N, C-alpha and C. Protein backbone atom coordinates (compact mmCIF):
# COMPACT_ATOMS: atom_id res chain seq x y z
N UNK A 1 -2.78 -12.07 -32.74
CA UNK A 1 -2.80 -12.11 -31.29
C UNK A 1 -3.24 -10.74 -30.77
N UNK A 2 -4.19 -10.74 -29.86
CA UNK A 2 -4.69 -9.48 -29.28
C UNK A 2 -3.66 -8.94 -28.29
N UNK A 3 -3.57 -7.61 -28.26
CA UNK A 3 -2.65 -7.01 -27.29
C UNK A 3 -3.30 -7.00 -25.91
N UNK A 4 -2.45 -6.86 -24.90
CA UNK A 4 -2.97 -6.78 -23.55
C UNK A 4 -3.77 -5.50 -23.39
N UNK A 5 -4.90 -5.57 -22.68
CA UNK A 5 -5.68 -4.36 -22.47
C UNK A 5 -4.91 -3.38 -21.60
N UNK A 6 -5.24 -2.10 -21.78
CA UNK A 6 -4.61 -1.06 -20.96
C UNK A 6 -4.98 -1.31 -19.50
N UNK A 7 -4.04 -1.14 -18.58
CA UNK A 7 -4.38 -1.33 -17.17
C UNK A 7 -5.49 -0.38 -16.74
N UNK A 8 -6.24 -0.80 -15.78
CA UNK A 8 -7.29 0.02 -15.18
C UNK A 8 -6.68 1.31 -14.64
N UNK A 9 -7.52 2.30 -14.42
CA UNK A 9 -7.02 3.54 -13.82
C UNK A 9 -7.23 3.56 -12.31
N UNK A 10 -7.64 2.41 -11.75
CA UNK A 10 -7.88 2.33 -10.31
C UNK A 10 -6.65 1.76 -9.59
N UNK A 11 -6.23 2.47 -8.56
CA UNK A 11 -5.16 2.01 -7.69
C UNK A 11 -5.78 1.78 -6.32
N UNK A 12 -5.70 0.55 -5.86
CA UNK A 12 -6.22 0.22 -4.53
C UNK A 12 -5.14 0.54 -3.50
N UNK A 13 -5.52 1.21 -2.43
CA UNK A 13 -4.59 1.59 -1.36
C UNK A 13 -5.06 0.88 -0.10
N UNK A 14 -4.29 -0.12 0.33
CA UNK A 14 -4.67 -0.94 1.47
C UNK A 14 -3.79 -0.63 2.66
N UNK A 15 -4.44 -0.43 3.79
CA UNK A 15 -3.76 -0.08 5.04
C UNK A 15 -4.10 -1.09 6.11
N UNK A 16 -3.09 -1.56 6.81
CA UNK A 16 -3.25 -2.60 7.80
C UNK A 16 -3.49 -2.10 9.21
N UNK A 17 -3.17 -2.94 10.18
CA UNK A 17 -3.53 -2.68 11.57
C UNK A 17 -2.93 -1.41 12.14
N UNK A 18 -3.76 -0.76 12.92
CA UNK A 18 -3.42 0.44 13.69
C UNK A 18 -3.27 1.70 12.85
N UNK A 19 -3.35 1.58 11.53
CA UNK A 19 -3.23 2.78 10.70
C UNK A 19 -4.48 3.66 10.79
N UNK A 20 -5.55 3.13 11.32
CA UNK A 20 -6.73 3.95 11.61
C UNK A 20 -6.44 4.95 12.73
N UNK A 21 -5.36 4.75 13.47
CA UNK A 21 -4.99 5.63 14.58
C UNK A 21 -3.97 6.70 14.19
N UNK A 22 -3.65 6.77 12.89
CA UNK A 22 -2.68 7.79 12.47
C UNK A 22 -3.15 9.17 12.89
N UNK A 23 -2.20 9.99 13.25
CA UNK A 23 -2.51 11.33 13.74
C UNK A 23 -2.39 11.42 15.25
N UNK A 24 -2.68 10.29 15.91
CA UNK A 24 -2.56 10.24 17.37
C UNK A 24 -1.59 9.16 17.82
N UNK A 25 -1.37 8.15 16.99
CA UNK A 25 -0.48 7.04 17.35
C UNK A 25 0.97 7.41 17.10
N UNK A 26 1.75 7.45 18.15
CA UNK A 26 3.20 7.70 18.07
C UNK A 26 3.55 8.75 17.00
N UNK A 27 3.06 9.98 17.17
CA UNK A 27 3.31 11.00 16.15
C UNK A 27 4.79 11.29 15.92
N UNK A 28 5.63 11.00 16.90
CA UNK A 28 7.07 11.20 16.71
C UNK A 28 7.63 10.25 15.66
N UNK A 29 6.93 9.14 15.40
CA UNK A 29 7.35 8.17 14.38
C UNK A 29 6.52 8.35 13.11
N UNK A 30 5.19 8.46 13.28
CA UNK A 30 4.28 8.41 12.14
C UNK A 30 3.75 9.77 11.70
N UNK A 31 4.05 10.83 12.45
CA UNK A 31 3.59 12.16 12.09
C UNK A 31 2.18 12.43 12.58
N UNK A 32 1.67 13.58 12.21
CA UNK A 32 0.37 14.02 12.70
C UNK A 32 -0.75 13.88 11.67
N UNK A 33 -0.42 13.49 10.45
CA UNK A 33 -1.45 13.31 9.42
C UNK A 33 -2.30 12.09 9.74
N UNK A 34 -3.59 12.23 9.53
CA UNK A 34 -4.51 11.11 9.71
C UNK A 34 -4.60 10.32 8.41
N UNK A 35 -5.22 9.16 8.49
CA UNK A 35 -5.43 8.37 7.28
C UNK A 35 -6.35 9.13 6.32
N UNK A 36 -7.33 9.86 6.84
CA UNK A 36 -8.18 10.68 5.98
C UNK A 36 -7.36 11.77 5.28
N UNK A 37 -6.40 12.37 5.99
CA UNK A 37 -5.53 13.37 5.36
C UNK A 37 -4.76 12.75 4.19
N UNK A 38 -4.22 11.57 4.42
CA UNK A 38 -3.46 10.87 3.38
C UNK A 38 -4.36 10.52 2.21
N UNK A 39 -5.57 10.05 2.51
CA UNK A 39 -6.52 9.72 1.44
C UNK A 39 -6.82 10.95 0.60
N UNK A 40 -6.98 12.10 1.23
CA UNK A 40 -7.23 13.34 0.50
C UNK A 40 -6.07 13.71 -0.41
N UNK A 41 -4.86 13.58 0.11
CA UNK A 41 -3.66 13.85 -0.70
C UNK A 41 -3.62 12.93 -1.92
N UNK A 42 -3.94 11.65 -1.69
CA UNK A 42 -3.91 10.68 -2.78
C UNK A 42 -4.99 10.96 -3.81
N UNK A 43 -6.18 11.34 -3.35
CA UNK A 43 -7.26 11.64 -4.29
C UNK A 43 -6.88 12.82 -5.17
N UNK A 44 -6.29 13.86 -4.57
CA UNK A 44 -5.87 15.03 -5.34
C UNK A 44 -4.81 14.65 -6.38
N UNK A 45 -3.80 13.92 -5.96
CA UNK A 45 -2.72 13.54 -6.88
C UNK A 45 -3.22 12.56 -7.94
N UNK A 46 -4.10 11.65 -7.55
CA UNK A 46 -4.65 10.69 -8.51
C UNK A 46 -5.40 11.41 -9.62
N UNK A 47 -6.17 12.40 -9.24
CA UNK A 47 -6.92 13.19 -10.24
C UNK A 47 -5.96 13.82 -11.24
N UNK A 48 -4.86 14.37 -10.74
CA UNK A 48 -3.85 14.98 -11.62
C UNK A 48 -3.22 13.97 -12.57
N UNK A 49 -3.13 12.73 -12.10
CA UNK A 49 -2.50 11.66 -12.88
C UNK A 49 -3.49 10.89 -13.75
N UNK A 50 -4.77 11.25 -13.67
CA UNK A 50 -5.79 10.52 -14.41
C UNK A 50 -6.12 9.17 -13.82
N UNK A 51 -5.93 9.04 -12.52
CA UNK A 51 -6.19 7.79 -11.82
C UNK A 51 -7.31 7.97 -10.80
N UNK A 52 -7.77 6.87 -10.30
CA UNK A 52 -8.70 6.85 -9.17
C UNK A 52 -8.06 6.02 -8.07
N UNK A 53 -8.31 6.39 -6.82
CA UNK A 53 -7.82 5.59 -5.70
C UNK A 53 -9.00 5.04 -4.91
N UNK A 54 -8.82 3.85 -4.41
CA UNK A 54 -9.78 3.18 -3.54
C UNK A 54 -9.02 2.89 -2.26
N UNK A 55 -9.22 3.74 -1.23
CA UNK A 55 -8.45 3.67 0.01
C UNK A 55 -9.24 2.89 1.05
N UNK A 56 -8.60 1.88 1.63
CA UNK A 56 -9.25 1.02 2.63
C UNK A 56 -8.30 0.76 3.79
N UNK A 57 -8.87 0.44 4.94
CA UNK A 57 -8.07 0.10 6.12
C UNK A 57 -8.76 -1.01 6.88
N UNK A 58 -7.98 -1.95 7.37
CA UNK A 58 -8.52 -2.99 8.25
C UNK A 58 -7.45 -3.42 9.24
N UNK A 59 -7.90 -3.77 10.42
CA UNK A 59 -7.03 -4.35 11.43
C UNK A 59 -6.97 -5.87 11.31
N UNK A 60 -7.60 -6.43 10.27
CA UNK A 60 -7.72 -7.88 10.12
C UNK A 60 -6.98 -8.36 8.87
N UNK A 61 -6.08 -9.26 9.08
CA UNK A 61 -5.24 -9.79 8.00
C UNK A 61 -6.06 -10.36 6.85
N UNK A 62 -7.10 -11.09 7.17
CA UNK A 62 -7.93 -11.71 6.13
C UNK A 62 -8.58 -10.70 5.21
N UNK A 63 -8.98 -9.55 5.75
CA UNK A 63 -9.54 -8.49 4.89
C UNK A 63 -8.52 -8.03 3.87
N UNK A 64 -7.29 -7.84 4.31
CA UNK A 64 -6.23 -7.40 3.39
C UNK A 64 -6.03 -8.43 2.28
N UNK A 65 -6.05 -9.69 2.64
CA UNK A 65 -5.88 -10.77 1.65
C UNK A 65 -7.05 -10.77 0.67
N UNK A 66 -8.27 -10.67 1.20
CA UNK A 66 -9.45 -10.63 0.33
C UNK A 66 -9.38 -9.44 -0.63
N UNK A 67 -8.93 -8.29 -0.13
CA UNK A 67 -8.84 -7.09 -0.98
C UNK A 67 -7.76 -7.24 -2.04
N UNK A 68 -6.67 -7.91 -1.73
CA UNK A 68 -5.65 -8.19 -2.76
C UNK A 68 -6.26 -9.05 -3.86
N UNK A 69 -7.02 -10.07 -3.48
CA UNK A 69 -7.68 -10.93 -4.46
C UNK A 69 -8.67 -10.11 -5.29
N UNK A 70 -9.41 -9.23 -4.62
CA UNK A 70 -10.38 -8.38 -5.30
C UNK A 70 -9.69 -7.46 -6.32
N UNK A 71 -8.58 -6.87 -5.92
CA UNK A 71 -7.83 -6.00 -6.84
C UNK A 71 -7.45 -6.76 -8.09
N UNK A 72 -7.03 -8.00 -7.93
CA UNK A 72 -6.65 -8.82 -9.06
C UNK A 72 -7.86 -9.14 -9.93
N UNK A 73 -8.95 -9.56 -9.31
CA UNK A 73 -10.16 -9.92 -10.05
C UNK A 73 -10.73 -8.73 -10.81
N UNK A 74 -10.61 -7.54 -10.23
CA UNK A 74 -11.15 -6.32 -10.85
C UNK A 74 -10.19 -5.66 -11.83
N UNK A 75 -8.97 -6.19 -11.94
CA UNK A 75 -8.00 -5.64 -12.88
C UNK A 75 -7.45 -4.28 -12.48
N UNK A 76 -7.24 -4.08 -11.19
CA UNK A 76 -6.65 -2.82 -10.72
C UNK A 76 -5.29 -2.61 -11.36
N UNK A 77 -4.91 -1.35 -11.53
CA UNK A 77 -3.60 -1.01 -12.08
C UNK A 77 -2.49 -1.45 -11.13
N UNK A 78 -2.70 -1.20 -9.83
CA UNK A 78 -1.70 -1.54 -8.81
C UNK A 78 -2.37 -1.50 -7.45
N UNK A 79 -1.66 -2.02 -6.47
CA UNK A 79 -2.04 -1.93 -5.08
C UNK A 79 -0.91 -1.25 -4.33
N UNK A 80 -1.24 -0.23 -3.57
CA UNK A 80 -0.29 0.34 -2.61
C UNK A 80 -0.63 -0.31 -1.28
N UNK A 81 0.31 -0.98 -0.66
CA UNK A 81 0.05 -1.74 0.56
C UNK A 81 0.94 -1.30 1.70
N UNK A 82 0.32 -0.71 2.71
CA UNK A 82 0.98 -0.48 3.99
C UNK A 82 0.37 -1.50 4.93
N UNK A 83 1.04 -2.62 5.08
CA UNK A 83 0.50 -3.73 5.86
C UNK A 83 0.75 -3.57 7.36
N UNK A 84 1.33 -2.43 7.77
CA UNK A 84 1.61 -2.23 9.18
C UNK A 84 2.48 -3.36 9.70
N UNK A 85 2.20 -3.81 10.91
CA UNK A 85 3.01 -4.87 11.52
C UNK A 85 2.93 -6.20 10.77
N UNK A 86 1.86 -6.41 10.00
CA UNK A 86 1.78 -7.64 9.21
C UNK A 86 2.91 -7.73 8.19
N UNK A 87 3.50 -6.61 7.84
CA UNK A 87 4.66 -6.61 6.94
C UNK A 87 5.72 -7.58 7.42
N UNK A 88 5.90 -7.63 8.72
CA UNK A 88 7.01 -8.36 9.33
C UNK A 88 6.62 -9.75 9.84
N UNK A 89 5.34 -10.10 9.68
CA UNK A 89 4.88 -11.36 10.26
C UNK A 89 4.07 -12.25 9.33
N UNK A 90 3.54 -11.70 8.25
CA UNK A 90 2.50 -12.41 7.50
C UNK A 90 3.00 -13.12 6.25
N UNK A 91 3.18 -14.41 6.39
CA UNK A 91 3.46 -15.24 5.22
C UNK A 91 2.21 -15.35 4.36
N UNK A 92 1.04 -15.23 4.98
CA UNK A 92 -0.21 -15.26 4.21
C UNK A 92 -0.30 -14.09 3.25
N UNK A 93 0.13 -12.90 3.67
CA UNK A 93 0.15 -11.76 2.75
C UNK A 93 1.19 -11.97 1.65
N UNK A 94 2.34 -12.50 2.00
CA UNK A 94 3.35 -12.83 1.00
C UNK A 94 2.76 -13.75 -0.06
N UNK A 95 2.09 -14.81 0.38
CA UNK A 95 1.50 -15.76 -0.56
C UNK A 95 0.42 -15.11 -1.41
N UNK A 96 -0.38 -14.23 -0.82
CA UNK A 96 -1.44 -13.55 -1.58
C UNK A 96 -0.84 -12.66 -2.66
N UNK A 97 0.22 -11.93 -2.33
CA UNK A 97 0.86 -11.06 -3.31
C UNK A 97 1.46 -11.89 -4.44
N UNK A 98 2.08 -13.01 -4.09
CA UNK A 98 2.67 -13.89 -5.10
C UNK A 98 1.60 -14.50 -6.01
N UNK A 99 0.38 -14.63 -5.49
CA UNK A 99 -0.69 -15.31 -6.22
C UNK A 99 -1.43 -14.42 -7.20
N UNK A 100 -1.19 -13.11 -7.14
CA UNK A 100 -1.94 -12.20 -8.02
C UNK A 100 -1.02 -11.58 -9.07
N UNK A 101 -1.64 -11.11 -10.15
CA UNK A 101 -0.88 -10.49 -11.23
C UNK A 101 -0.71 -8.98 -11.03
N UNK A 102 -1.55 -8.38 -10.21
CA UNK A 102 -1.49 -6.93 -9.99
C UNK A 102 -0.22 -6.58 -9.23
N UNK A 103 0.55 -5.61 -9.71
CA UNK A 103 1.75 -5.22 -8.97
C UNK A 103 1.40 -4.55 -7.64
N UNK A 104 2.15 -4.91 -6.62
CA UNK A 104 1.97 -4.36 -5.28
C UNK A 104 3.20 -3.52 -4.95
N UNK A 105 2.93 -2.30 -4.49
CA UNK A 105 4.00 -1.42 -4.04
C UNK A 105 3.88 -1.29 -2.53
N UNK A 106 4.93 -1.72 -1.84
CA UNK A 106 4.97 -1.66 -0.38
C UNK A 106 5.21 -0.21 0.06
N UNK A 107 4.43 0.24 1.04
CA UNK A 107 4.50 1.63 1.50
C UNK A 107 4.70 1.65 3.01
N UNK A 108 5.60 2.53 3.48
CA UNK A 108 5.79 2.76 4.91
C UNK A 108 6.00 4.24 5.16
N UNK A 109 5.37 4.74 6.20
CA UNK A 109 5.57 6.13 6.61
C UNK A 109 6.98 6.32 7.15
N UNK A 110 7.40 5.42 8.02
CA UNK A 110 8.75 5.46 8.58
C UNK A 110 9.63 4.52 7.76
N UNK A 111 10.90 4.46 8.10
CA UNK A 111 11.80 3.51 7.46
C UNK A 111 12.04 2.36 8.43
N UNK A 112 11.40 1.21 8.19
CA UNK A 112 11.53 0.09 9.13
C UNK A 112 12.97 -0.36 9.36
N UNK A 113 13.86 -0.13 8.41
CA UNK A 113 15.24 -0.58 8.59
C UNK A 113 15.99 0.30 9.58
N UNK A 114 15.41 1.44 9.94
CA UNK A 114 16.01 2.30 10.96
C UNK A 114 15.33 2.13 12.31
N UNK A 115 14.56 1.07 12.45
CA UNK A 115 13.81 0.86 13.69
C UNK A 115 14.23 -0.46 14.33
N UNK A 116 13.37 -1.02 15.15
CA UNK A 116 13.70 -2.25 15.87
C UNK A 116 14.08 -3.37 14.90
N UNK A 117 15.00 -4.24 15.33
CA UNK A 117 15.46 -5.31 14.44
C UNK A 117 14.35 -6.20 13.86
N UNK A 118 13.28 -6.44 14.63
CA UNK A 118 12.21 -7.30 14.12
C UNK A 118 11.49 -6.66 12.93
N UNK A 119 11.63 -5.35 12.75
CA UNK A 119 11.00 -4.66 11.62
C UNK A 119 11.87 -4.69 10.36
N UNK A 120 13.05 -5.27 10.44
CA UNK A 120 13.94 -5.29 9.29
C UNK A 120 13.55 -6.34 8.26
N UNK A 121 12.76 -7.31 8.66
CA UNK A 121 12.29 -8.35 7.74
C UNK A 121 10.94 -7.93 7.18
N UNK A 122 10.81 -7.98 5.87
CA UNK A 122 9.55 -7.64 5.22
C UNK A 122 9.10 -8.81 4.35
N UNK A 123 8.09 -9.52 4.82
CA UNK A 123 7.49 -10.57 4.00
C UNK A 123 6.80 -9.96 2.79
N UNK A 124 6.15 -8.82 2.98
CA UNK A 124 5.52 -8.11 1.87
C UNK A 124 6.57 -7.78 0.80
N UNK A 125 7.71 -7.28 1.24
CA UNK A 125 8.76 -6.90 0.31
C UNK A 125 9.34 -8.05 -0.49
N UNK A 126 9.17 -9.27 0.02
CA UNK A 126 9.69 -10.43 -0.71
C UNK A 126 8.94 -10.66 -2.02
N UNK A 127 7.74 -10.08 -2.14
CA UNK A 127 6.95 -10.27 -3.36
C UNK A 127 6.53 -8.96 -4.00
N UNK A 128 6.70 -7.85 -3.31
CA UNK A 128 6.27 -6.56 -3.85
C UNK A 128 7.11 -6.16 -5.06
N UNK A 129 6.50 -5.43 -5.97
CA UNK A 129 7.20 -4.96 -7.17
C UNK A 129 8.12 -3.79 -6.84
N UNK A 130 7.80 -3.05 -5.78
CA UNK A 130 8.59 -1.87 -5.42
C UNK A 130 8.28 -1.52 -3.97
N UNK A 131 9.02 -0.55 -3.44
CA UNK A 131 8.85 -0.14 -2.05
C UNK A 131 9.13 1.36 -1.94
N UNK A 132 8.33 2.05 -1.11
CA UNK A 132 8.59 3.45 -0.78
C UNK A 132 8.47 3.56 0.73
N UNK A 133 9.51 4.10 1.37
CA UNK A 133 9.51 4.14 2.83
C UNK A 133 10.20 5.40 3.33
N UNK A 134 9.82 5.78 4.55
CA UNK A 134 10.54 6.82 5.26
C UNK A 134 10.25 8.24 4.85
N UNK A 135 9.22 8.47 4.04
CA UNK A 135 8.90 9.82 3.58
C UNK A 135 7.65 10.38 4.25
N UNK A 136 7.20 9.74 5.33
CA UNK A 136 5.96 10.17 5.95
C UNK A 136 4.80 9.99 4.97
N UNK A 137 3.77 10.83 5.05
CA UNK A 137 2.63 10.70 4.15
C UNK A 137 3.02 10.77 2.67
N UNK A 138 4.12 11.46 2.38
CA UNK A 138 4.58 11.57 1.00
C UNK A 138 4.96 10.20 0.42
N UNK A 139 5.24 9.21 1.27
CA UNK A 139 5.52 7.86 0.79
C UNK A 139 4.39 7.35 -0.09
N UNK A 140 3.16 7.62 0.33
CA UNK A 140 2.00 7.18 -0.44
C UNK A 140 1.93 7.88 -1.79
N UNK A 141 2.21 9.16 -1.83
CA UNK A 141 2.14 9.94 -3.06
C UNK A 141 3.20 9.44 -4.04
N UNK A 142 4.41 9.22 -3.55
CA UNK A 142 5.48 8.71 -4.42
C UNK A 142 5.11 7.33 -4.95
N UNK A 143 4.52 6.49 -4.11
CA UNK A 143 4.09 5.16 -4.57
C UNK A 143 3.01 5.28 -5.63
N UNK A 144 2.08 6.22 -5.45
CA UNK A 144 1.04 6.43 -6.44
C UNK A 144 1.64 6.88 -7.76
N UNK A 145 2.62 7.75 -7.72
CA UNK A 145 3.29 8.20 -8.94
C UNK A 145 3.99 7.03 -9.63
N UNK A 146 4.57 6.13 -8.86
CA UNK A 146 5.17 4.93 -9.46
C UNK A 146 4.10 4.05 -10.10
N UNK A 147 2.95 3.92 -9.43
CA UNK A 147 1.86 3.11 -9.97
C UNK A 147 1.35 3.70 -11.29
N UNK A 148 1.38 5.01 -11.43
CA UNK A 148 0.91 5.67 -12.65
C UNK A 148 1.75 5.27 -13.86
N UNK A 149 3.00 4.88 -13.61
CA UNK A 149 3.90 4.51 -14.69
C UNK A 149 3.76 3.07 -15.12
N UNK A 150 3.00 2.30 -14.39
CA UNK A 150 2.84 0.87 -14.71
C UNK A 150 1.91 0.67 -15.88
C-alpha cells in the first residue's frame, strides 16, 4: 500500500466581506493593519516555515466556496479562513468545508464571543479543524504556524 503523499507547502488564506477595508474599518475593533500588511507578515513567516501562502479576498460568498473547492482540488496543505460576517450566517460555507479534505483553520482578528450576540454562532467553526481569534493580525500568523504542523 502506498503512503499518503506529503501535504503541499501551499496554504490558502481566504478573506471574506469587508476585509478589503482593514486599516480604515472600525480600527478600534480590527486595528490599523491593512490586508496587504497581513499578507506581508504571512509571506515572511511562511518563508521561514518553508511554506507558501496564497492570500485572497472577496466580498462574495460564492468566490469563497469556489476557492475552498480549488484548495481541495490543488491539494493545499490547509486553508486559513476569515469569512467575516459569513462566519455567522453561511450554511453554504459550512457545507463547503465539510465537503473538502483540506483542513480549514478559522481566523478572526477580534474575538467574536466578546462581541454582539449574533457573532457568537460560527457556522465555519462547526466544520473547521481549529480556530484562532482575538490576536489582531497575529491571529493569522498563529494559524499559519498551526497549518505548518499539519
